[in-house]
């Protein structure tokens, strides 16, 4: 139960951290840039 609770807490922390990041990609040699949260 303690391990499951820690895993749940770690997963919630990771989800929050992931939501704060952004991911950028380009196409056409850089003429189009998209940023995804």
ModelCIF file with pLDDT and N, C-alpha, C, O atoms, coordinates in Angstrom:
data_MODEL
#
_entry.id   MODEL 
#
_entity.id                         1 
_entity.type                       polymer 
_entity.pdbx_number_of_molecules   1 
#
_entity_poly.entity_id                      1 
_entity_poly.type                           'polypeptide(L)' 
_entity_poly.nstd_linkage                   no 
_entity_poly.nstd_monomer                   no 
_entity_poly.pdbx_seq_one_letter_code       
;(UNK)(UNK)(UNK)(UNK)(UNK)(UNK)(UNK)(UNK)(UNK)(UNK)(UNK)(UNK)(UNK)(UNK)(UNK)(UNK)
(UNK)(UNK)(UNK)(UNK)(UNK)(UNK)(UNK)(UNK)(UNK)(UNK)(UNK)(UNK)(UNK)(UNK)(UNK)(UNK)
(UNK)(UNK)(UNK)(UNK)(UNK)
;
_entity_poly.pdbx_seq_one_letter_code_can   XXXXXXXXXXXXXXXXXXXXXXXXXXXXXXXXXXXXX 
_entity_poly.pdbx_strand_id                 A 
#
loop_
_entity_poly_seq.entity_id 
_entity_poly_seq.num 
_entity_poly_seq.mon_id 
_entity_poly_seq.hetero 
1 1  UNK n 
1 2  UNK n 
1 3  UNK n 
1 4  UNK n 
1 5  UNK n 
1 6  UNK n 
1 7  UNK n 
1 8  UNK n 
1 9  UNK n 
1 10 UNK n 
1 11 UNK n 
1 12 UNK n 
1 13 UNK n 
1 14 UNK n 
1 15 UNK n 
1 16 UNK n 
1 17 UNK n 
1 18 UNK n 
1 19 UNK n 
1 20 UNK n 
1 21 UNK n 
1 22 UNK n 
1 23 UNK n 
1 24 UNK n 
1 25 UNK n 
1 26 UNK n 
1 27 UNK n 
1 28 UNK n 
1 29 UNK n 
1 30 UNK n 
1 31 UNK n 
1 32 UNK n 
1 33 UNK n 
1 34 UNK n 
1 35 UNK n 
1 36 UNK n 
1 37 UNK n 
#
_struct_asym.id          A 
_struct_asym.entity_id   1 
#
loop_
_ma_qa_metric.id 
_ma_qa_metric.mode 
_ma_qa_metric.name 
_ma_qa_metric.software_group_id 
_ma_qa_metric.type 
1 global pLDDT . pLDDT 
2 local  pLDDT . pLDDT 
#
_ma_qa_metric_global.metric_id      1 
_ma_qa_metric_global.metric_value   89.51 
_ma_qa_metric_global.model_id       1 
_ma_qa_metric_global.ordinal_id     1 
#
loop_
_ma_qa_metric_local.label_asym_id 
_ma_qa_metric_local.label_comp_id 
_ma_qa_metric_local.label_seq_id 
_ma_qa_metric_local.metric_id 
_ma_qa_metric_local.metric_value 
_ma_qa_metric_local.model_id 
_ma_qa_metric_local.ordinal_id 
A UNK 1  2 88.00 1 1  
A UNK 2  2 87.00 1 2  
A UNK 3  2 84.00 1 3  
A UNK 4  2 83.00 1 4  
A UNK 5  2 87.00 1 5  
A UNK 6  2 85.00 1 6  
A UNK 7  2 83.00 1 7  
A UNK 8  2 86.00 1 8  
A UNK 9  2 88.00 1 9  
A UNK 10 2 85.00 1 10 
A UNK 11 2 84.00 1 11 
A UNK 12 2 87.00 1 12 
A UNK 13 2 87.00 1 13 
A UNK 14 2 85.00 1 14 
A UNK 15 2 83.00 1 15 
A UNK 16 2 86.00 1 16 
A UNK 17 2 84.00 1 17 
A UNK 18 2 82.00 1 18 
A UNK 19 2 84.00 1 19 
A UNK 20 2 86.00 1 20 
A UNK 21 2 91.00 1 21 
A UNK 22 2 92.00 1 22 
A UNK 23 2 94.00 1 23 
A UNK 24 2 96.00 1 24 
A UNK 25 2 96.00 1 25 
A UNK 26 2 96.00 1 26 
A UNK 27 2 95.00 1 27 
A UNK 28 2 94.00 1 28 
A UNK 29 2 94.00 1 29 
A UNK 30 2 95.00 1 30 
A UNK 31 2 95.00 1 31 
A UNK 32 2 96.00 1 32 
A UNK 33 2 96.00 1 33 
A UNK 34 2 96.00 1 34 
A UNK 35 2 96.00 1 35 
A UNK 36 2 94.00 1 36 
A UNK 37 2 92.00 1 37 
#
loop_
_atom_site.group_PDB 
_atom_site.id 
_atom_site.type_symbol 
_atom_site.label_atom_id 
_atom_site.label_alt_id 
_atom_site.label_comp_id 
_atom_site.label_asym_id 
_atom_site.label_entity_id 
_atom_site.label_seq_id 
_atom_site.pdbx_PDB_ins_code 
_atom_site.Cartn_x 
_atom_site.Cartn_y 
_atom_site.Cartn_z 
_atom_site.occupancy 
_atom_site.B_iso_or_equiv 
_atom_site.pdbx_formal_charge 
_atom_site.auth_seq_id 
_atom_site.auth_comp_id 
_atom_site.auth_asym_id 
_atom_site.auth_atom_id 
_atom_site.pdbx_PDB_model_num 
ATOM 1   N N  . UNK A 1 1  ? 0.842  -1.197 0.000   1.00 88.00 ? 1  UNK A N  1 
ATOM 2   C CA . UNK A 1 1  ? 0.000  0.000  0.000   1.00 88.00 ? 1  UNK A CA 1 
ATOM 3   C C  . UNK A 1 1  ? 0.877  1.247  0.000   1.00 88.00 ? 1  UNK A C  1 
ATOM 4   O O  . UNK A 1 1  ? 0.594  2.205  -0.719  1.00 88.00 ? 1  UNK A O  1 
ATOM 5   N N  . UNK A 1 2  ? 1.945  1.239  0.806   1.00 87.00 ? 2  UNK A N  1 
ATOM 6   C CA . UNK A 1 2  ? 2.859  2.377  0.836   1.00 87.00 ? 2  UNK A CA 1 
ATOM 7   C C  . UNK A 1 2  ? 3.519  2.581  -0.520  1.00 87.00 ? 2  UNK A C  1 
ATOM 8   O O  . UNK A 1 2  ? 3.659  3.712  -0.983  1.00 87.00 ? 2  UNK A O  1 
ATOM 9   N N  . UNK A 1 3  ? 3.926  1.480  -1.159  1.00 84.00 ? 3  UNK A N  1 
ATOM 10  C CA . UNK A 1 3  ? 4.549  1.575  -2.480  1.00 84.00 ? 3  UNK A CA 1 
ATOM 11  C C  . UNK A 1 3  ? 3.561  2.135  -3.509  1.00 84.00 ? 3  UNK A C  1 
ATOM 12  O O  . UNK A 1 3  ? 3.920  2.969  -4.340  1.00 84.00 ? 3  UNK A O  1 
ATOM 13  N N  . UNK A 1 4  ? 2.324  1.669  -3.439  1.00 83.00 ? 4  UNK A N  1 
ATOM 14  C CA . UNK A 1 4  ? 1.300  2.150  -4.370  1.00 83.00 ? 4  UNK A CA 1 
ATOM 15  C C  . UNK A 1 4  ? 1.026  3.637  -4.149  1.00 83.00 ? 4  UNK A C  1 
ATOM 16  O O  . UNK A 1 4  ? 0.858  4.388  -5.110  1.00 83.00 ? 4  UNK A O  1 
ATOM 17  N N  . UNK A 1 5  ? 0.981  4.061  -2.893  1.00 87.00 ? 5  UNK A N  1 
ATOM 18  C CA . UNK A 1 5  ? 0.754  5.467  -2.592  1.00 87.00 ? 5  UNK A CA 1 
ATOM 19  C C  . UNK A 1 5  ? 1.916  6.325  -3.085  1.00 87.00 ? 5  UNK A C  1 
ATOM 20  O O  . UNK A 1 5  ? 1.702  7.418  -3.609  1.00 87.00 ? 5  UNK A O  1 
ATOM 21  N N  . UNK A 1 6  ? 3.152  5.830  -2.918  1.00 85.00 ? 6  UNK A N  1 
ATOM 22  C CA . UNK A 1 6  ? 4.310  6.567  -3.406  1.00 85.00 ? 6  UNK A CA 1 
ATOM 23  C C  . UNK A 1 6  ? 4.276  6.640  -4.928  1.00 85.00 ? 6  UNK A C  1 
ATOM 24  O O  . UNK A 1 6  ? 4.553  7.692  -5.505  1.00 85.00 ? 6  UNK A O  1 
ATOM 25  N N  . UNK A 1 7  ? 3.943  5.541  -5.576  1.00 83.00 ? 7  UNK A N  1 
ATOM 26  C CA . UNK A 1 7  ? 3.857  5.526  -7.030  1.00 83.00 ? 7  UNK A CA 1 
ATOM 27  C C  . UNK A 1 7  ? 2.804  6.523  -7.507  1.00 83.00 ? 7  UNK A C  1 
ATOM 28  O O  . UNK A 1 7  ? 3.035  7.265  -8.461  1.00 83.00 ? 7  UNK A O  1 
ATOM 29  N N  . UNK A 1 8  ? 1.663  6.538  -6.852  1.00 86.00 ? 8  UNK A N  1 
ATOM 30  C CA . UNK A 1 8  ? 0.599  7.475  -7.222  1.00 86.00 ? 8  UNK A CA 1 
ATOM 31  C C  . UNK A 1 8  ? 1.077  8.915  -7.049  1.00 86.00 ? 8  UNK A C  1 
ATOM 32  O O  . UNK A 1 8  ? 0.837  9.760  -7.911  1.00 86.00 ? 8  UNK A O  1 
ATOM 33  N N  . UNK A 1 9  ? 1.752  9.191  -5.935  1.00 88.00 ? 9  UNK A N  1 
ATOM 34  C CA . UNK A 1 9  ? 2.269  10.544 -5.685  1.00 88.00 ? 9  UNK A CA 1 
ATOM 35  C C  . UNK A 1 9  ? 3.303  10.921 -6.743  1.00 88.00 ? 9  UNK A C  1 
ATOM 36  O O  . UNK A 1 9  ? 3.278  12.033 -7.270  1.00 88.00 ? 9  UNK A O  1 
ATOM 37  N N  . UNK A 1 10 ? 4.208  9.998  -7.053  1.00 85.00 ? 10 UNK A N  1 
ATOM 38  C CA . UNK A 1 10 ? 5.231  10.259 -8.071  1.00 85.00 ? 10 UNK A CA 1 
ATOM 39  C C  . UNK A 1 10 ? 4.607  10.479 -9.441  1.00 85.00 ? 10 UNK A C  1 
ATOM 40  O O  . UNK A 1 10 ? 5.063  11.329 -10.205 1.00 85.00 ? 10 UNK A O  1 
ATOM 41  N N  . UNK A 1 11 ? 3.568  9.719  -9.752  1.00 84.00 ? 11 UNK A N  1 
ATOM 42  C CA . UNK A 1 11 ? 2.905  9.869  -11.049 1.00 84.00 ? 11 UNK A CA 1 
ATOM 43  C C  . UNK A 1 11 ? 2.215  11.222 -11.161 1.00 84.00 ? 11 UNK A C  1 
ATOM 44  O O  . UNK A 1 11 ? 2.244  11.851 -12.218 1.00 84.00 ? 11 UNK A O  1 
ATOM 45  N N  . UNK A 1 12 ? 1.594  11.670 -10.074 1.00 87.00 ? 12 UNK A N  1 
ATOM 46  C CA . UNK A 1 12 ? 0.933  12.979 -10.095 1.00 87.00 ? 12 UNK A CA 1 
ATOM 47  C C  . UNK A 1 12 ? 1.963  14.087 -10.256 1.00 87.00 ? 12 UNK A C  1 
ATOM 48  O O  . UNK A 1 12 ? 1.734  15.049 -10.989 1.00 87.00 ? 12 UNK A O  1 
ATOM 49  N N  . UNK A 1 13 ? 3.104  13.956 -9.572  1.00 87.00 ? 13 UNK A N  1 
ATOM 50  C CA . UNK A 1 13 ? 4.175  14.941 -9.691  1.00 87.00 ? 13 UNK A CA 1 
ATOM 51  C C  . UNK A 1 13 ? 4.703  14.962 -11.122 1.00 87.00 ? 13 UNK A C  1 
ATOM 52  O O  . UNK A 1 13 ? 4.911  16.030 -11.698 1.00 87.00 ? 13 UNK A O  1 
ATOM 53  N N  . UNK A 1 14 ? 4.922  13.766 -11.696 1.00 85.00 ? 14 UNK A N  1 
ATOM 54  C CA . UNK A 1 14 ? 5.425  13.678 -13.059 1.00 85.00 ? 14 UNK A CA 1 
ATOM 55  C C  . UNK A 1 14 ? 4.433  14.292 -14.041 1.00 85.00 ? 14 UNK A C  1 
ATOM 56  O O  . UNK A 1 14 ? 4.834  15.000 -14.965 1.00 85.00 ? 14 UNK A O  1 
ATOM 57  N N  . UNK A 1 15 ? 3.146  14.027 -13.849 1.00 83.00 ? 15 UNK A N  1 
ATOM 58  C CA . UNK A 1 15 ? 2.132  14.579 -14.750 1.00 83.00 ? 15 UNK A CA 1 
ATOM 59  C C  . UNK A 1 15 ? 2.149  16.105 -14.703 1.00 83.00 ? 15 UNK A C  1 
ATOM 60  O O  . UNK A 1 15 ? 2.053  16.759 -15.742 1.00 83.00 ? 15 UNK A O  1 
ATOM 61  N N  . UNK A 1 16 ? 2.268  16.665 -13.525 1.00 86.00 ? 16 UNK A N  1 
ATOM 62  C CA . UNK A 1 16 ? 2.330  18.116 -13.388 1.00 86.00 ? 16 UNK A CA 1 
ATOM 63  C C  . UNK A 1 16 ? 3.557  18.672 -14.099 1.00 86.00 ? 16 UNK A C  1 
ATOM 64  O O  . UNK A 1 16 ? 3.472  19.672 -14.810 1.00 86.00 ? 16 UNK A O  1 
ATOM 65  N N  . UNK A 1 17 ? 4.699  18.015 -13.902 1.00 84.00 ? 17 UNK A N  1 
ATOM 66  C CA . UNK A 1 17 ? 5.927  18.458 -14.563 1.00 84.00 ? 17 UNK A CA 1 
ATOM 67  C C  . UNK A 1 17 ? 5.798  18.363 -16.082 1.00 84.00 ? 17 UNK A C  1 
ATOM 68  O O  . UNK A 1 17 ? 6.236  19.263 -16.797 1.00 84.00 ? 17 UNK A O  1 
ATOM 69  N N  . UNK A 1 18 ? 5.204  17.284 -16.575 1.00 82.00 ? 18 UNK A N  1 
ATOM 70  C CA . UNK A 1 18 ? 5.055  17.096 -18.014 1.00 82.00 ? 18 UNK A CA 1 
ATOM 71  C C  . UNK A 1 18 ? 4.119  18.152 -18.606 1.00 82.00 ? 18 UNK A C  1 
ATOM 72  O O  . UNK A 1 18 ? 4.353  18.634 -19.714 1.00 82.00 ? 18 UNK A O  1 
ATOM 73  N N  . UNK A 1 19 ? 3.077  18.508 -17.884 1.00 84.00 ? 19 UNK A N  1 
ATOM 74  C CA . UNK A 1 19 ? 2.132  19.509 -18.375 1.00 84.00 ? 19 UNK A CA 1 
ATOM 75  C C  . UNK A 1 19 ? 2.776  20.885 -18.497 1.00 84.00 ? 19 UNK A C  1 
ATOM 76  O O  . UNK A 1 19 ? 2.319  21.718 -19.280 1.00 84.00 ? 19 UNK A O  1 
ATOM 77  N N  . UNK A 1 20 ? 3.826  21.126 -17.734 1.00 86.00 ? 20 UNK A N  1 
ATOM 78  C CA . UNK A 1 20 ? 4.500  22.415 -17.769 1.00 86.00 ? 20 UNK A CA 1 
ATOM 79  C C  . UNK A 1 20 ? 5.532  22.509 -18.892 1.00 86.00 ? 20 UNK A C  1 
ATOM 80  O O  . UNK A 1 20 ? 6.023  23.597 -19.193 1.00 86.00 ? 20 UNK A O  1 
ATOM 81  N N  . UNK A 1 21 ? 5.857  21.391 -19.505 1.00 91.00 ? 21 UNK A N  1 
ATOM 82  C CA . UNK A 1 21 ? 6.849  21.398 -20.574 1.00 91.00 ? 21 UNK A CA 1 
ATOM 83  C C  . UNK A 1 21 ? 6.204  21.723 -21.914 1.00 91.00 ? 21 UNK A C  1 
ATOM 84  O O  . UNK A 1 21 ? 4.984  21.679 -22.071 1.00 91.00 ? 21 UNK A O  1 
ATOM 85  N N  . UNK A 1 22 ? 7.066  22.053 -22.876 1.00 92.00 ? 22 UNK A N  1 
ATOM 86  C CA . UNK A 1 22 ? 6.581  22.263 -24.239 1.00 92.00 ? 22 UNK A CA 1 
ATOM 87  C C  . UNK A 1 22 ? 7.503  21.519 -25.193 1.00 92.00 ? 22 UNK A C  1 
ATOM 88  O O  . UNK A 1 22 ? 8.667  21.266 -24.885 1.00 92.00 ? 22 UNK A O  1 
ATOM 89  N N  . UNK A 1 23 ? 6.969  21.177 -26.345 1.00 94.00 ? 23 UNK A N  1 
ATOM 90  C CA . UNK A 1 23 ? 7.675  20.383 -27.339 1.00 94.00 ? 23 UNK A CA 1 
ATOM 91  C C  . UNK A 1 23 ? 7.569  21.100 -28.678 1.00 94.00 ? 23 UNK A C  1 
ATOM 92  O O  . UNK A 1 23 ? 6.473  21.429 -29.132 1.00 94.00 ? 23 UNK A O  1 
ATOM 93  N N  . UNK A 1 24 ? 8.710  21.336 -29.298 1.00 96.00 ? 24 UNK A N  1 
ATOM 94  C CA . UNK A 1 24 ? 8.766  22.111 -30.527 1.00 96.00 ? 24 UNK A CA 1 
ATOM 95  C C  . UNK A 1 24 ? 9.240  21.234 -31.673 1.00 96.00 ? 24 UNK A C  1 
ATOM 96  O O  . UNK A 1 24 ? 10.141 20.410 -31.514 1.00 96.00 ? 24 UNK A O  1 
ATOM 97  N N  . UNK A 1 25 ? 8.619  21.425 -32.828 1.00 96.00 ? 25 UNK A N  1 
ATOM 98  C CA . UNK A 1 25 ? 9.047  20.727 -34.041 1.00 96.00 ? 25 UNK A CA 1 
ATOM 99  C C  . UNK A 1 25 ? 8.889  21.672 -35.217 1.00 96.00 ? 25 UNK A C  1 
ATOM 100 O O  . UNK A 1 25 ? 8.049  22.572 -35.219 1.00 96.00 ? 25 UNK A O  1 
ATOM 101 N N  . UNK A 1 26 ? 9.730  21.435 -36.219 1.00 96.00 ? 26 UNK A N  1 
ATOM 102 C CA . UNK A 1 26 ? 9.692  22.264 -37.421 1.00 96.00 ? 26 UNK A CA 1 
ATOM 103 C C  . UNK A 1 26 ? 9.523  21.375 -38.644 1.00 96.00 ? 26 UNK A C  1 
ATOM 104 O O  . UNK A 1 26 ? 9.819  20.180 -38.611 1.00 96.00 ? 26 UNK A O  1 
ATOM 105 N N  . UNK A 1 27 ? 9.043  21.981 -39.718 1.00 95.00 ? 27 UNK A N  1 
ATOM 106 C CA . UNK A 1 27 ? 8.960  21.279 -40.996 1.00 95.00 ? 27 UNK A CA 1 
ATOM 107 C C  . UNK A 1 27 ? 9.322  22.261 -42.107 1.00 95.00 ? 27 UNK A C  1 
ATOM 108 O O  . UNK A 1 27 ? 9.381  23.474 -41.906 1.00 95.00 ? 27 UNK A O  1 
ATOM 109 N N  . UNK A 1 28 ? 9.561  21.694 -43.273 1.00 94.00 ? 28 UNK A N  1 
ATOM 110 C CA . UNK A 1 28 ? 9.902  22.542 -44.417 1.00 94.00 ? 28 UNK A CA 1 
ATOM 111 C C  . UNK A 1 28 ? 11.189 23.306 -44.222 1.00 94.00 ? 28 UNK A C  1 
ATOM 112 O O  . UNK A 1 28 ? 11.320 24.439 -44.686 1.00 94.00 ? 28 UNK A O  1 
ATOM 113 N N  . UNK A 1 29 ? 12.144 22.695 -43.537 1.00 94.00 ? 29 UNK A N  1 
ATOM 114 C CA . UNK A 1 29 ? 13.408 23.379 -43.312 1.00 94.00 ? 29 UNK A CA 1 
ATOM 115 C C  . UNK A 1 29 ? 13.297 24.530 -42.338 1.00 94.00 ? 29 UNK A C  1 
ATOM 116 O O  . UNK A 1 29 ? 14.136 25.430 -42.346 1.00 94.00 ? 29 UNK A O  1 
ATOM 117 N N  . UNK A 1 30 ? 12.283 24.517 -41.504 1.00 95.00 ? 30 UNK A N  1 
ATOM 118 C CA . UNK A 1 30 ? 12.122 25.548 -40.482 1.00 95.00 ? 30 UNK A CA 1 
ATOM 119 C C  . UNK A 1 30 ? 11.131 26.635 -40.835 1.00 95.00 ? 30 UNK A C  1 
ATOM 120 O O  . UNK A 1 30 ? 10.989 27.597 -40.080 1.00 95.00 ? 30 UNK A O  1 
ATOM 121 N N  . UNK A 1 31 ? 10.432 26.515 -41.972 1.00 95.00 ? 31 UNK A N  1 
ATOM 122 C CA . UNK A 1 31 ? 9.473  27.566 -42.334 1.00 95.00 ? 31 UNK A CA 1 
ATOM 123 C C  . UNK A 1 31 ? 8.176  27.463 -41.536 1.00 95.00 ? 31 UNK A C  1 
ATOM 124 O O  . UNK A 1 31 ? 7.415  28.428 -41.449 1.00 95.00 ? 31 UNK A O  1 
ATOM 125 N N  . UNK A 1 32 ? 7.924  26.278 -40.948 1.00 96.00 ? 32 UNK A N  1 
ATOM 126 C CA . UNK A 1 32 ? 6.758  26.101 -40.080 1.00 96.00 ? 32 UNK A CA 1 
ATOM 127 C C  . UNK A 1 32 ? 7.249  25.509 -38.763 1.00 96.00 ? 32 UNK A C  1 
ATOM 128 O O  . UNK A 1 32 ? 7.946  24.495 -38.742 1.00 96.00 ? 32 UNK A O  1 
ATOM 129 N N  . UNK A 1 33 ? 6.870  26.166 -37.662 1.00 96.00 ? 33 UNK A N  1 
ATOM 130 C CA . UNK A 1 33 ? 7.239  25.704 -36.326 1.00 96.00 ? 33 UNK A CA 1 
ATOM 131 C C  . UNK A 1 33 ? 5.977  25.546 -35.504 1.00 96.00 ? 33 UNK A C  1 
ATOM 132 O O  . UNK A 1 33 ? 5.132  26.441 -35.458 1.00 96.00 ? 33 UNK A O  1 
ATOM 133 N N  . UNK A 1 34 ? 5.858  24.390 -34.849 1.00 96.00 ? 34 UNK A N  1 
ATOM 134 C CA . UNK A 1 34 ? 4.711  24.123 -33.980 1.00 96.00 ? 34 UNK A CA 1 
ATOM 135 C C  . UNK A 1 34 ? 5.224  23.853 -32.571 1.00 96.00 ? 34 UNK A C  1 
ATOM 136 O O  . UNK A 1 34 ? 6.233  23.174 -32.380 1.00 96.00 ? 34 UNK A O  1 
ATOM 137 N N  . UNK A 1 35 ? 4.510  24.399 -31.587 1.00 96.00 ? 35 UNK A N  1 
ATOM 138 C CA . UNK A 1 35 ? 4.845  24.169 -30.185 1.00 96.00 ? 35 UNK A CA 1 
ATOM 139 C C  . UNK A 1 35 ? 3.616  23.552 -29.521 1.00 96.00 ? 35 UNK A C  1 
ATOM 140 O O  . UNK A 1 35 ? 2.513  24.095 -29.585 1.00 96.00 ? 35 UNK A O  1 
ATOM 141 N N  . UNK A 1 36 ? 3.839  22.397 -28.876 1.00 94.00 ? 36 UNK A N  1 
ATOM 142 C CA . UNK A 1 36 ? 2.769  21.653 -28.205 1.00 94.00 ? 36 UNK A CA 1 
ATOM 143 C C  . UNK A 1 36 ? 3.054  21.672 -26.708 1.00 94.00 ? 36 UNK A C  1 
ATOM 144 O O  . UNK A 1 36 ? 4.199  21.501 -26.289 1.00 94.00 ? 36 UNK A O  1 
ATOM 145 N N  . UNK A 1 37 ? 2.018  21.880 -25.903 1.00 92.00 ? 37 UNK A N  1 
ATOM 146 C CA . UNK A 1 37 ? 2.190  21.834 -24.453 1.00 92.00 ? 37 UNK A CA 1 
ATOM 147 C C  . UNK A 1 37 ? 2.132  20.384 -23.986 1.00 92.00 ? 37 UNK A C  1 
ATOM 148 O O  . UNK A 1 37 ? 2.255  20.115 -22.791 1.00 92.00 ? 37 UNK A O  1 
#
